C-alpha atoms as a PDB file:
ATOM      1  CA  TYR A   1    -105.290-202.756 187.835  1.00  0.00           C
ATOM      2  CA  ALA A   2    -104.897-203.820 191.457  1.00  0.00           C
ATOM      3  CA  HIS A   3    -107.693-201.710 192.972  1.00  0.00           C
ATOM      4  CA  LYS A   4    -110.533-204.146 192.268  1.00  0.00           C
ATOM      5  CA  ARG A   5    -110.610-207.912 192.534  1.00  0.00           C
ATOM      6  CA  PHE A   6    -110.612-209.191 188.936  1.00  0.00           C
ATOM      7  CA  ARG A   7    -109.448-206.006 187.215  1.00  0.00           C
ATOM      8  CA  LYS A   8    -106.035-207.518 186.437  1.00  0.00           C
ATOM      9  CA  ALA A   9    -107.744-209.811 183.931  1.00  0.00           C
ATOM     10  CA  GLN A  10    -108.187-206.697 181.747  1.00  0.00           C
ATOM     11  CA  CYS A  11    -104.474-205.795 181.992  1.00  0.00           C
ATOM     12  CA  PRO A  12    -102.589-206.467 178.709  1.00  0.00           C
ATOM     13  CA  ILE A  13    -100.633-209.723 178.869  1.00  0.00           C
ATOM     14  CA  VAL A  14     -97.324-208.051 177.889  1.00  0.00           C
ATOM     15  CA  GLU A  15     -97.692-205.584 180.760  1.00  0.00           C
ATOM     16  CA  ARG A  16     -98.393-208.455 183.158  1.00  0.00           C
ATOM     17  CA  LEU A  17     -95.149-210.104 181.973  1.00  0.00           C
ATOM     18  CA  THR A  18     -93.272-206.810 182.448  1.00  0.00           C
ATOM     19  CA  ASN A  19     -94.668-206.362 185.960  1.00  0.00           C
ATOM     20  CA  SER A  20     -93.782-209.894 187.011  1.00  0.00           C
ATOM     21  CA  LEU A  21     -90.182-209.356 185.863  1.00  0.00           C
ATOM     22  CA  MET A  22     -89.913-206.591 188.495  1.00  0.00           C
ATOM     23  CA  MET A  23     -89.920-209.070 191.384  1.00  0.00           C
ATOM     24  CA  HIS A  24     -87.485-209.362 194.303  1.00  0.00           C
ATOM     25  CA  GLY A  25     -86.470-206.304 196.309  1.00  0.00           C
ATOM     26  CA  ARG A  26     -83.686-204.909 194.160  1.00  0.00           C
ATOM     27  CA  ASN A  27     -85.957-204.851 191.081  1.00  0.00           C
ATOM     28  CA  TYR A  28     -89.144-203.348 192.545  1.00  0.00           C
ATOM     29  CA  GLY A  29     -90.250-200.107 190.876  1.00  0.00           C
ATOM     30  CA  LYS A  30     -87.936-200.459 187.872  1.00  0.00           C
ATOM     31  CA  LYS A  31     -90.603-200.762 185.204  1.00  0.00           C
ATOM     32  CA  LEU A  32     -88.433-199.246 182.468  1.00  0.00           C
ATOM     33  CA  MET A  33     -85.959-202.071 183.044  1.00  0.00           C
ATOM     34  CA  GLY A  34     -88.794-204.604 182.679  1.00  0.00           C
ATOM     35  CA  VAL A  35     -90.029-202.954 179.472  1.00  0.00           C
ATOM     36  CA  ARG A  36     -86.508-203.022 178.030  1.00  0.00           C
ATOM     37  CA  ILE A  37     -86.073-206.721 178.928  1.00  0.00           C
ATOM     38  CA  VAL A  38     -89.380-207.677 177.270  1.00  0.00           C
ATOM     39  CA  LYS A  39     -88.558-205.612 174.161  1.00  0.00           C
ATOM     40  CA  HIS A  40     -85.147-207.278 173.745  1.00  0.00           C
ATOM     41  CA  ALA A  41     -86.674-210.709 174.405  1.00  0.00           C
ATOM     42  CA  PHE A  42     -89.306-210.142 171.703  1.00  0.00           C
ATOM     43  CA  GLU A  43     -86.607-209.088 169.221  1.00  0.00           C
ATOM     44  CA  ILE A  44     -84.608-212.250 170.030  1.00  0.00           C
ATOM     45  CA  ILE A  45     -87.741-214.405 169.603  1.00  0.00           C
ATOM     46  CA  HIS A  46     -88.466-212.816 166.215  1.00  0.00           C
ATOM     47  CA  LEU A  47     -84.877-213.377 165.050  1.00  0.00           C
ATOM     48  CA  LEU A  48     -84.739-217.009 166.227  1.00  0.00           C
ATOM     49  CA  THR A  49     -88.204-218.226 165.199  1.00  0.00           C
ATOM     50  CA  GLY A  50     -89.350-215.736 162.577  1.00  0.00           C
ATOM     51  CA  GLU A  51     -92.813-215.793 164.179  1.00  0.00           C
ATOM     52  CA  ASN A  52     -94.837-213.053 165.845  1.00  0.00           C
ATOM     53  CA  PRO A  53     -93.426-212.720 169.407  1.00  0.00           C
ATOM     54  CA  LEU A  54     -96.893-211.965 170.829  1.00  0.00           C
ATOM     55  CA  GLN A  55     -98.212-215.247 169.418  1.00  0.00           C
ATOM     56  CA  VAL A  56     -95.221-217.078 170.943  1.00  0.00           C
ATOM     57  CA  LEU A  57     -95.992-215.444 174.315  1.00  0.00           C
ATOM     58  CA  VAL A  58     -99.679-216.415 174.183  1.00  0.00           C
ATOM     59  CA  THR A  59     -98.851-220.012 173.193  1.00  0.00           C
ATOM     60  CA  ALA A  60     -96.261-220.258 175.977  1.00  0.00           C
ATOM     61  CA  ILE A  61     -98.776-219.026 178.571  1.00  0.00           C
ATOM     62  CA  ILE A  62    -101.415-221.486 177.322  1.00  0.00           C
ATOM     63  CA  ASN A  63     -98.954-224.393 177.458  1.00  0.00           C
ATOM     64  CA  SER A  64     -97.303-223.624 180.803  1.00  0.00           C
ATOM     65  CA  GLY A  65    -100.426-222.959 182.888  1.00  0.00           C
ATOM     66  CA  PRO A  66    -101.295-225.840 185.239  1.00  0.00           C
ATOM     67  CA  ARG A  67    -104.658-227.535 184.674  1.00  0.00           C
ATOM     68  CA  GLU A  68    -104.846-229.161 188.094  1.00  0.00           C
ATOM     69  CA  ASP A  69    -103.618-228.305 191.583  1.00  0.00           C
ATOM     70  CA  SER A  70    -103.866-229.783 195.069  1.00  0.00           C
ATOM     71  CA  THR A  71    -105.464-228.155 198.090  1.00  0.00           C
ATOM     72  CA  ARG A  72    -105.454-228.986 201.798  1.00  0.00           C
ATOM     73  CA  ILE A  73    -108.616-230.544 203.185  1.00  0.00           C
ATOM     74  CA  GLY A  74    -108.472-230.635 206.990  1.00  0.00           C
ATOM     75  CA  ARG A  75    -110.736-233.047 208.842  1.00  0.00           C
ATOM     76  CA  ALA A  76    -110.423-233.797 212.581  1.00  0.00           C
ATOM     77  CA  GLY A  77    -106.812-232.665 212.842  1.00  0.00           C
ATOM     78  CA  THR A  78    -105.582-234.681 209.868  1.00  0.00           C
ATOM     79  CA  VAL A  79    -104.680-232.863 206.673  1.00  0.00           C
ATOM     80  CA  ARG A  80    -105.349-234.486 203.308  1.00  0.00           C
ATOM     81  CA  ARG A  81    -104.350-233.188 199.888  1.00  0.00           C
ATOM     82  CA  GLN A  82    -107.102-233.213 197.282  1.00  0.00           C
ATOM     83  CA  ALA A  83    -106.856-232.534 193.550  1.00  0.00           C
ATOM     84  CA  VAL A  84    -108.824-229.514 192.317  1.00  0.00           C
ATOM     85  CA  ASP A  85    -109.221-227.807 188.943  1.00  0.00           C
ATOM     86  CA  VAL A  86    -107.458-224.467 188.433  1.00  0.00           C
ATOM     87  CA  SER A  87    -109.487-221.398 187.438  1.00  0.00           C
ATOM     88  CA  PRO A  88    -108.604-219.740 184.095  1.00  0.00           C
ATOM     89  CA  LEU A  89    -107.307-216.528 185.710  1.00  0.00           C
ATOM     90  CA  ARG A  90    -105.079-218.464 188.109  1.00  0.00           C
ATOM     91  CA  ARG A  91    -103.751-220.536 185.192  1.00  0.00           C
ATOM     92  CA  VAL A  92    -102.655-217.347 183.425  1.00  0.00           C
ATOM     93  CA  ASN A  93    -101.231-215.851 186.642  1.00  0.00           C
ATOM     94  CA  GLN A  94     -99.266-218.984 187.494  1.00  0.00           C
ATOM     95  CA  ALA A  95     -98.019-219.449 183.923  1.00  0.00           C
ATOM     96  CA  ILE A  96     -96.597-215.901 183.848  1.00  0.00           C
ATOM     97  CA  TRP A  97     -95.059-216.395 187.297  1.00  0.00           C
ATOM     98  CA  LEU A  98     -93.478-219.739 186.320  1.00  0.00           C
ATOM     99  CA  LEU A  99     -92.037-218.343 183.068  1.00  0.00           C
ATOM    100  CA  CYS A 100     -90.513-215.309 184.821  1.00  0.00           C
ATOM    101  CA  THR A 101     -89.144-217.348 187.724  1.00  0.00           C
ATOM    102  CA  GLY A 102     -87.518-219.835 185.347  1.00  0.00           C
ATOM    103  CA  ALA A 103     -85.960-217.034 183.302  1.00  0.00           C
ATOM    104  CA  ARG A 104     -84.722-215.260 186.450  1.00  0.00           C
ATOM    105  CA  GLU A 105     -83.098-218.435 187.805  1.00  0.00           C
ATOM    106  CA  ALA A 106     -81.520-219.218 184.419  1.00  0.00           C
ATOM    107  CA  ALA A 107     -79.953-215.741 184.169  1.00  0.00           C
ATOM    108  CA  PHE A 108     -78.763-215.594 187.793  1.00  0.00           C
ATOM    109  CA  ARG A 109     -74.949-216.002 188.137  1.00  0.00           C
ATOM    110  CA  ASN A 110     -74.685-216.610 184.409  1.00  0.00           C
ATOM    111  CA  ILE A 111     -73.251-214.768 181.421  1.00  0.00           C
ATOM    112  CA  LYS A 112     -76.636-215.091 179.677  1.00  0.00           C
ATOM    113  CA  THR A 113     -78.712-211.912 179.935  1.00  0.00           C
ATOM    114  CA  ILE A 114     -82.205-211.919 181.430  1.00  0.00           C
ATOM    115  CA  ALA A 115     -83.680-210.984 178.021  1.00  0.00           C
ATOM    116  CA  GLU A 116     -82.046-214.029 176.421  1.00  0.00           C
ATOM    117  CA  SER A 117     -83.327-216.329 179.148  1.00  0.00           C
ATOM    118  CA  VAL A 118     -86.872-214.857 178.901  1.00  0.00           C
ATOM    119  CA  ALA A 119     -86.758-215.478 175.138  1.00  0.00           C
ATOM    120  CA  ASP A 120     -85.524-219.053 175.676  1.00  0.00           C
ATOM    121  CA  GLU A 121     -88.251-219.770 178.251  1.00  0.00           C
ATOM    122  CA  LEU A 122     -90.972-218.483 175.927  1.00  0.00           C
ATOM    123  CA  ILE A 123     -89.646-220.348 172.872  1.00  0.00           C
ATOM    124  CA  ASN A 124     -89.274-223.611 174.821  1.00  0.00           C
ATOM    125  CA  ALA A 125     -92.752-223.300 176.329  1.00  0.00           C
ATOM    126  CA  ALA A 126     -94.435-222.385 173.022  1.00  0.00           C
END
């Protein structure tokens, strides 16, 4: 999905979540670990909410994507920040990144497993 520019928009959303869980050097290349984490997280979501975990994931991504961002506008050596709208693909990308980063930080140096923290992030965001 990374060979062409917008091809990752066609990648299934669950696979995107799995791939973004494989971040930071010690986790690169361990896709089976990511698949297992997502599977356990979906089971936890189903047990806690009784809803379809895929619907919870989609709602969480819709809710956690930023609508507006700021960019740097440089004019004559001075740098100003200006508010800009966020494109739909970037909203999805950033939402997945924010959810995974929050889950990773919640599980780090904690007795809570990464699957539990992914499930909590998705339930809280949905």
